[in-house]
């Protein structure tokens, strides 16, 4: 018990009553004085407790200098940022479809996520389009000049052995946001001191790894030299110069996702209301084809769906532990990749109908 109470501050010393101050103290005061004196102990050598530190005696507040002026930083001097990148700036490049127009916005489009006055491009609510004309041939020539000659097999094996392991310090995690705009800056920061960067992909983007690889190469100018399930190695190029890296203005916050048209209709196209209701009940009562986990790897879901539709008309995916927003994204990707028709999202379950097929489509599906 003494060890636990050793840090406590000793009680205050009691005042000593002398004849000069009080000639004849009352008897009850003398009794109280003697009882307190028995329980008091001498102060320790260190008068400061461990959680506290002594206050310096000569502590004086600093006087404000009225003549000092604020010097603007380099970022403010170079505003607005001017970037020569030949594509429209979006929050996510791999998880958005520029051809689909939103029907409404959750925030006014005038609020740019790059900050007020920090970018020479106008924010439209979904992107900041480039205002200068782009020559595709010139862009390809510039990227080829940075990449240089193709790597030999020995050089690729050396880079793969150096960066493919899970304990690699040059790693970027790609989540449900996909290839985001700020991720481009992270990749170039790694390329300052490393020839390649390891990218670990999880979640909804793993449904379409070809799309992820395309946007990584297209937006960074690098080259994918290794791909194993959800692990990628992005090479910077032989002639990459960190001092001449492109200007990538950062997004200061994540913009709200706009409102898109409804994914699931009350009546599926090609069916009546009763047939749609029957399809939904059949899907809910059927065993699940797969059970998807949160932030999992879904690289084989599309192939499993196509294989199941050869014999089944309705398929159920168990997404109990997947977020609702991710379920909607999974349904959109499967609709475009398989292709199929999502007809119900309920209690973490996705019911998907293969749709109406002609005889030619059915034969090609069975092949």
Protein backbone atom coordinates (compact mmCIF):
# COMPACT_ATOMS: atom_id res chain seq x y z
CA UNK A 1 0.00 0.00 0.00
CA UNK A 2 2.90 2.38 0.70
CA UNK A 3 4.24 1.90 -2.84
CA UNK A 4 0.92 3.02 -4.35
CA UNK A 5 0.61 6.03 -2.06
CA UNK A 6 4.20 7.18 -2.36
CA UNK A 7 3.43 9.60 -5.22
CA UNK A 8 0.84 11.58 -3.29
CA UNK A 9 1.70 15.07 -2.16
CA UNK A 10 2.24 15.31 1.63
CA UNK A 11 -0.48 17.13 3.51
CA UNK A 12 -0.01 20.78 4.37
CA UNK A 13 1.86 21.54 7.56
CA UNK A 14 -0.26 22.79 10.43
CA UNK A 15 0.37 26.14 11.93
CA UNK A 16 2.10 26.12 15.34
CA UNK A 17 0.27 28.03 18.00
CA UNK A 18 2.63 30.08 20.13
CA UNK A 19 2.13 32.18 23.19
CA UNK A 20 2.84 35.29 21.17
CA UNK A 21 0.00 34.63 18.84
CA UNK A 22 -2.42 33.13 21.29
CA UNK A 23 -1.81 33.30 25.04
CA UNK A 24 -4.53 31.04 26.21
CA UNK A 25 -5.88 28.77 23.48
CA UNK A 26 -9.13 27.01 24.14
CA UNK A 27 -8.83 23.39 25.27
CA UNK A 28 -10.66 22.00 22.20
CA UNK A 29 -8.13 23.71 19.90
CA UNK A 30 -5.19 22.17 21.77
CA UNK A 31 -6.74 18.72 21.51
CA UNK A 32 -7.24 19.15 17.75
CA UNK A 33 -3.69 20.40 17.33
CA UNK A 34 -2.13 17.37 19.09
CA UNK A 35 -4.28 14.91 17.09
CA UNK A 36 -3.15 16.42 13.77
CA UNK A 37 0.49 16.55 14.83
CA UNK A 38 0.57 12.81 15.42
CA UNK A 39 -0.40 12.01 11.80
CA UNK A 40 1.75 14.57 10.02
CA UNK A 41 5.09 13.47 8.56
CA UNK A 42 8.14 15.51 7.54
CA UNK A 43 8.17 16.65 3.89
CA UNK A 44 10.22 14.55 1.46
CA UNK A 45 13.39 15.79 -0.13
CA UNK A 46 11.77 16.21 -3.54
CA UNK A 47 8.78 18.49 -3.10
CA UNK A 48 7.52 17.87 -6.63
CA UNK A 49 5.42 14.84 -7.48
CA UNK A 50 6.31 12.68 -10.49
CA UNK A 51 3.43 13.86 -12.72
CA UNK A 52 4.42 17.50 -12.25
CA UNK A 53 7.49 19.58 -12.99
CA UNK A 54 8.76 22.73 -11.27
CA UNK A 55 7.69 26.08 -12.65
CA UNK A 56 10.61 28.37 -13.54
CA UNK A 57 10.73 31.52 -11.47
CA UNK A 58 11.81 33.86 -14.24
CA UNK A 59 8.92 32.99 -16.54
CA UNK A 60 7.77 36.16 -18.26
CA UNK A 61 5.33 36.46 -21.14
CA UNK A 62 6.87 37.37 -24.47
CA UNK A 63 6.08 40.79 -25.81
CA UNK A 64 4.38 40.95 -29.18
CA UNK A 65 6.31 42.79 -31.84
CA UNK A 66 3.98 45.08 -33.70
CA UNK A 67 6.46 45.45 -36.57
CA UNK A 68 6.51 41.75 -37.52
CA UNK A 69 4.68 40.80 -40.72
CA UNK A 70 3.45 37.43 -41.93
CA UNK A 71 5.45 36.05 -44.84
CA UNK A 72 3.35 33.97 -47.25
CA UNK A 73 4.50 30.41 -47.71
CA UNK A 74 5.62 28.94 -51.00
CA UNK A 75 2.30 27.21 -51.50
CA UNK A 76 0.42 30.50 -51.32
CA UNK A 77 2.92 32.20 -53.62
CA UNK A 78 2.43 29.55 -56.33
CA UNK A 79 -1.37 29.50 -56.20
CA UNK A 80 -3.29 28.54 -58.19
CA UNK A 81 -1.65 25.23 -59.11
CA UNK A 82 -1.23 24.63 -62.82
CA UNK A 83 -0.97 20.97 -63.77
CA UNK A 84 -0.18 19.72 -67.26
CA UNK A 85 -1.57 16.23 -66.66
CA UNK A 86 -3.67 15.29 -69.70
CA UNK A 87 -6.75 13.90 -67.90
CA UNK A 88 -9.65 15.13 -65.82
CA UNK A 89 -9.08 15.14 -62.07
CA UNK A 90 -11.51 12.90 -60.17
CA UNK A 91 -11.63 11.54 -56.66
CA UNK A 92 -11.57 7.97 -58.00
CA UNK A 93 -10.58 6.97 -61.51
CA UNK A 94 -11.26 3.23 -61.43
CA UNK A 95 -14.60 3.33 -59.57
CA UNK A 96 -16.39 6.01 -61.60
CA UNK A 97 -17.89 5.92 -65.06
CA UNK A 98 -17.61 9.29 -66.85
CA UNK A 99 -20.36 8.31 -69.30
CA UNK A 100 -23.00 8.09 -66.52
CA UNK A 101 -24.29 11.51 -65.53
CA UNK A 102 -25.59 12.04 -61.96
CA UNK A 103 -29.17 13.17 -61.47
CA UNK A 104 -28.40 15.33 -58.39
CA UNK A 105 -25.59 16.43 -56.07
CA UNK A 106 -25.34 16.15 -52.30
CA UNK A 107 -23.27 19.34 -52.11
CA UNK A 108 -23.08 22.42 -54.35
CA UNK A 109 -20.66 21.89 -57.26
CA UNK A 110 -19.01 25.24 -56.53
CA UNK A 111 -17.23 23.75 -53.50
CA UNK A 112 -14.04 22.32 -54.98
CA UNK A 113 -12.28 19.62 -52.91
CA UNK A 114 -8.96 21.16 -53.94
CA UNK A 115 -9.76 24.26 -51.89
CA UNK A 116 -10.85 27.74 -52.97
CA UNK A 117 -8.48 29.30 -55.49
CA UNK A 118 -5.93 26.49 -55.30
CA UNK A 119 -6.42 24.99 -58.78
CA UNK A 120 -6.73 26.56 -62.21
CA UNK A 121 -9.48 24.09 -63.14
CA UNK A 122 -13.18 24.43 -62.42
CA UNK A 123 -14.86 21.71 -60.33
CA UNK A 124 -18.07 20.41 -61.95
CA UNK A 125 -19.27 18.30 -59.01
CA UNK A 126 -17.67 15.07 -60.24
CA UNK A 127 -14.39 16.15 -61.84
CA UNK A 128 -12.06 19.03 -62.68
CA UNK A 129 -11.69 18.78 -66.48
CA UNK A 130 -8.54 19.82 -68.29
CA UNK A 131 -8.98 23.03 -70.28
CA UNK A 132 -6.11 22.58 -72.72
CA UNK A 133 -6.08 20.46 -75.84
CA UNK A 134 -4.19 17.19 -75.52
CA UNK A 135 -2.38 15.43 -78.33
CA UNK A 136 -2.46 11.65 -77.63
CA UNK A 137 0.63 10.99 -79.74
CA UNK A 138 2.68 13.53 -77.79
CA UNK A 139 1.57 12.02 -74.49
CA UNK A 140 2.57 8.52 -75.64
CA UNK A 141 5.98 9.77 -76.79
CA UNK A 142 6.66 11.48 -73.47
CA UNK A 143 5.74 8.36 -71.50
CA UNK A 144 7.85 6.10 -73.69
CA UNK A 145 10.82 8.43 -73.25
CA UNK A 146 10.47 8.16 -69.45
CA UNK A 147 10.01 4.37 -69.51
CA UNK A 148 13.03 3.89 -71.76
CA UNK A 149 13.99 0.51 -73.13
CA UNK A 150 11.97 -2.51 -71.91
CA UNK A 151 13.37 -4.33 -68.92
CA UNK A 152 15.13 -7.62 -69.41
CA UNK A 153 13.91 -10.77 -67.69
CA UNK A 154 16.83 -10.63 -65.24
CA UNK A 155 16.01 -7.04 -64.28
CA UNK A 156 12.33 -7.87 -63.80
CA UNK A 157 13.18 -10.87 -61.61
CA UNK A 158 15.48 -8.70 -59.49
CA UNK A 159 12.81 -6.00 -58.99
CA UNK A 160 10.11 -8.57 -58.27
CA UNK A 161 12.24 -10.32 -55.67
CA UNK A 162 13.01 -6.99 -54.02
CA UNK A 163 9.47 -5.56 -53.82
CA UNK A 164 6.94 -8.40 -53.98
CA UNK A 165 7.22 -9.52 -50.33
CA UNK A 166 4.69 -8.47 -47.69
CA UNK A 167 7.36 -6.77 -45.55
CA UNK A 168 8.22 -4.34 -48.33
CA UNK A 169 8.38 -0.75 -47.06
CA UNK A 170 7.34 0.64 -50.46
CA UNK A 171 3.70 -0.45 -50.35
CA UNK A 172 0.42 1.33 -51.00
CA UNK A 173 -2.93 -0.19 -50.01
CA UNK A 174 -5.68 0.22 -52.58
CA UNK A 175 -9.10 0.03 -50.90
CA UNK A 176 -12.72 0.43 -51.92
CA UNK A 177 -11.99 3.91 -53.30
CA UNK A 178 -9.90 2.35 -56.06
CA UNK A 179 -7.27 4.44 -57.84
CA UNK A 180 -7.83 7.79 -56.13
CA UNK A 181 -6.34 11.13 -57.07
CA UNK A 182 -4.19 11.52 -53.94
CA UNK A 183 -2.82 8.03 -54.50
CA UNK A 184 -0.99 9.35 -57.56
CA UNK A 185 1.02 11.68 -55.32
CA UNK A 186 1.81 8.81 -52.95
CA UNK A 187 3.15 6.74 -55.85
CA UNK A 188 5.45 9.52 -57.03
CA UNK A 189 6.67 10.05 -53.46
CA UNK A 190 7.71 6.38 -53.31
CA UNK A 191 9.35 6.68 -56.73
CA UNK A 192 11.77 9.27 -55.35
CA UNK A 193 13.79 6.54 -53.63
CA UNK A 194 12.52 3.29 -55.16
CA UNK A 195 12.30 2.04 -58.71
CA UNK A 196 8.99 0.24 -58.10
CA UNK A 197 6.13 0.36 -55.63
CA UNK A 198 4.07 -2.56 -54.33
CA UNK A 199 0.28 -2.07 -54.49
CA UNK A 200 -2.03 -4.33 -52.49
CA UNK A 201 -5.63 -4.25 -53.74
CA UNK A 202 -8.63 -5.13 -51.55
CA UNK A 203 -12.38 -4.71 -51.71
CA UNK A 204 -14.65 -3.84 -54.63
CA UNK A 205 -11.87 -2.84 -57.12
CA UNK A 206 -10.58 -6.44 -57.16
CA UNK A 207 -13.65 -7.47 -59.16
CA UNK A 208 -12.00 -5.87 -62.21
CA UNK A 209 -8.23 -5.92 -61.81
CA UNK A 210 -7.74 -5.12 -65.52
CA UNK A 211 -9.43 -1.77 -64.93
CA UNK A 212 -7.18 -1.05 -61.92
CA UNK A 213 -4.03 -1.85 -63.89
CA UNK A 214 -5.15 0.33 -66.80
CA UNK A 215 -5.75 3.41 -64.65
CA UNK A 216 -2.51 2.95 -62.70
CA UNK A 217 -0.48 2.91 -65.90
CA UNK A 218 -2.54 5.61 -67.59
CA UNK A 219 -2.53 8.12 -64.72
CA UNK A 220 1.04 7.62 -63.45
CA UNK A 221 2.91 6.83 -66.66
CA UNK A 222 4.48 3.72 -65.08
CA UNK A 223 4.39 0.07 -66.11
CA UNK A 224 2.96 -2.98 -64.33
CA UNK A 225 5.81 -5.55 -64.23
CA UNK A 226 4.23 -8.05 -61.81
CA UNK A 227 0.66 -9.14 -61.11
CA UNK A 228 -0.35 -11.95 -58.78
CA UNK A 229 -4.04 -12.10 -57.78
CA UNK A 230 -4.35 -8.75 -55.94
CA UNK A 231 -0.64 -7.80 -55.69
CA UNK A 232 0.84 -5.41 -58.27
CA UNK A 233 4.30 -3.94 -58.86
CA UNK A 234 4.35 -0.58 -60.63
CA UNK A 235 7.68 0.34 -62.25
CA UNK A 236 8.59 4.02 -62.69
CA UNK A 237 10.80 3.76 -65.81
CA UNK A 238 14.50 3.92 -66.64
CA UNK A 239 14.63 7.68 -67.27
CA UNK A 240 12.36 8.80 -64.43
CA UNK A 241 13.56 12.05 -62.82
CA UNK A 242 12.02 12.86 -59.39
CA UNK A 243 12.87 16.55 -59.85
CA UNK A 244 10.72 16.75 -62.99
CA UNK A 245 7.74 14.86 -61.58
CA UNK A 246 4.29 16.15 -62.61
CA UNK A 247 2.41 18.66 -60.46
CA UNK A 248 -0.38 16.83 -58.60
CA UNK A 249 -2.54 19.16 -56.47
CA UNK A 250 -3.98 17.28 -53.52
CA UNK A 251 -7.65 17.01 -52.62
CA UNK A 252 -8.16 18.50 -49.18
CA UNK A 253 -11.28 16.42 -48.46
CA UNK A 254 -13.31 13.62 -49.97
CA UNK A 255 -16.18 15.02 -52.02
CA UNK A 256 -19.66 13.69 -51.43
CA UNK A 257 -20.72 11.07 -53.96
CA UNK A 258 -23.44 12.40 -56.29
CA UNK A 259 -26.83 10.72 -56.68
CA UNK A 260 -27.05 8.36 -59.66
CA UNK A 261 -30.13 6.71 -61.21
CA UNK A 262 -31.70 3.84 -59.31
CA UNK A 263 -29.94 0.53 -59.84
CA UNK A 264 -32.77 -1.90 -59.02
CA UNK A 265 -36.12 -1.28 -60.66
CA UNK A 266 -39.46 -2.38 -59.26
CA UNK A 267 -40.05 -4.47 -62.36
CA UNK A 268 -37.05 -5.99 -64.10
CA UNK A 269 -36.75 -5.28 -67.80
CA UNK A 270 -38.20 -8.19 -69.76
CA UNK A 271 -40.32 -9.51 -66.87
CA UNK A 272 -43.71 -8.75 -65.43
CA UNK A 273 -44.30 -7.72 -61.83
CA UNK A 274 -45.33 -11.24 -60.80
CA UNK A 275 -42.34 -12.82 -62.56
CA UNK A 276 -39.97 -10.35 -60.89
CA UNK A 277 -41.48 -11.14 -57.49
CA UNK A 278 -41.11 -14.87 -58.15
CA UNK A 279 -37.47 -14.46 -59.18
CA UNK A 280 -36.71 -12.57 -55.98
CA UNK A 281 -38.32 -15.25 -53.81
CA UNK A 282 -36.44 -17.99 -55.64
CA UNK A 283 -33.16 -16.16 -55.11
CA UNK A 284 -33.77 -15.62 -51.39
CA UNK A 285 -34.62 -19.30 -50.86
CA UNK A 286 -31.70 -20.65 -52.90
CA UNK A 287 -28.29 -21.50 -51.36
CA UNK A 288 -25.68 -18.74 -51.74
CA UNK A 289 -23.21 -19.10 -54.56
CA UNK A 290 -20.46 -17.32 -52.60
CA UNK A 291 -19.98 -15.58 -49.27
CA UNK A 292 -18.13 -12.29 -49.62
CA UNK A 293 -16.18 -10.82 -46.73
CA UNK A 294 -15.55 -7.20 -45.90
CA UNK A 295 -12.56 -5.77 -47.82
CA UNK A 296 -11.90 -9.18 -49.31
CA UNK A 297 -10.42 -10.28 -52.62
CA UNK A 298 -13.13 -10.79 -55.27
CA UNK A 299 -11.01 -11.65 -58.30
CA UNK A 300 -12.89 -14.91 -59.04
CA UNK A 301 -16.47 -13.70 -58.48
CA UNK A 302 -17.14 -12.82 -62.13
CA UNK A 303 -15.91 -16.19 -63.40
CA UNK A 304 -17.98 -18.03 -60.77
CA UNK A 305 -21.06 -16.04 -61.76
CA UNK A 306 -20.66 -16.82 -65.45
CA UNK A 307 -20.19 -20.50 -64.67
CA UNK A 308 -23.28 -20.58 -62.44
CA UNK A 309 -25.49 -18.89 -65.04
CA UNK A 310 -24.93 -21.81 -67.39
CA UNK A 311 -27.28 -23.90 -65.24
CA UNK A 312 -29.02 -21.42 -62.91
CA UNK A 313 -31.31 -18.54 -63.72
CA UNK A 314 -31.06 -16.72 -60.38
CA UNK A 315 -28.00 -16.49 -58.12
CA UNK A 316 -27.62 -15.23 -54.56
CA UNK A 317 -24.47 -13.68 -53.08
CA UNK A 318 -24.15 -13.59 -49.29
CA UNK A 319 -22.75 -10.16 -48.35
CA UNK A 320 -23.79 -10.09 -44.70
CA UNK A 321 -20.52 -8.54 -43.50
CA UNK A 322 -20.16 -6.16 -46.46
CA UNK A 323 -21.22 -2.53 -46.18
CA UNK A 324 -24.39 -1.46 -48.00
CA UNK A 325 -22.54 1.01 -50.23
CA UNK A 326 -20.09 -1.73 -51.24
CA UNK A 327 -22.99 -4.06 -52.10
CA UNK A 328 -24.35 -1.48 -54.55
CA UNK A 329 -20.91 -1.07 -56.14
CA UNK A 330 -20.57 -4.84 -56.46
CA UNK A 331 -23.97 -5.02 -58.17
CA UNK A 332 -23.00 -2.29 -60.65
CA UNK A 333 -19.73 -4.00 -61.56
CA UNK A 334 -21.33 -7.42 -61.96
CA UNK A 335 -24.04 -5.92 -64.14
CA UNK A 336 -21.41 -4.62 -66.57
CA UNK A 337 -18.87 -7.46 -66.36
CA UNK A 338 -20.94 -10.67 -66.35
CA UNK A 339 -23.43 -9.21 -67.68
CA UNK A 340 -26.50 -9.72 -65.48
CA UNK A 341 -29.42 -7.90 -63.86
CA UNK A 342 -29.46 -7.20 -60.08
CA UNK A 343 -33.08 -7.48 -58.92
CA UNK A 344 -32.83 -7.24 -55.11
CA UNK A 345 -30.61 -5.95 -52.29
CA UNK A 346 -31.96 -7.08 -48.94
CA UNK A 347 -30.39 -7.86 -45.53
CA UNK A 348 -26.90 -8.16 -46.98
CA UNK A 349 -28.06 -10.45 -49.81
CA UNK A 350 -27.67 -9.69 -53.52
CA UNK A 351 -30.12 -11.45 -55.84
CA UNK A 352 -28.97 -11.44 -59.46
CA UNK A 353 -30.89 -12.60 -62.51
CA UNK A 354 -28.97 -13.61 -65.60
CA UNK A 355 -31.42 -11.81 -67.88
CA UNK A 356 -33.04 -12.78 -71.16
CA UNK A 357 -30.71 -14.43 -73.64
CA UNK A 358 -31.20 -15.27 -77.27
CA UNK A 359 -30.28 -18.68 -78.56
CA UNK A 360 -26.94 -17.41 -79.89
CA UNK A 361 -26.09 -15.81 -76.56
CA UNK A 362 -26.99 -19.00 -74.71
CA UNK A 363 -24.76 -21.08 -76.98
CA UNK A 364 -21.84 -18.69 -76.52
CA UNK A 365 -22.38 -18.81 -72.74
CA UNK A 366 -22.27 -22.61 -72.70
CA UNK A 367 -19.05 -22.72 -74.70
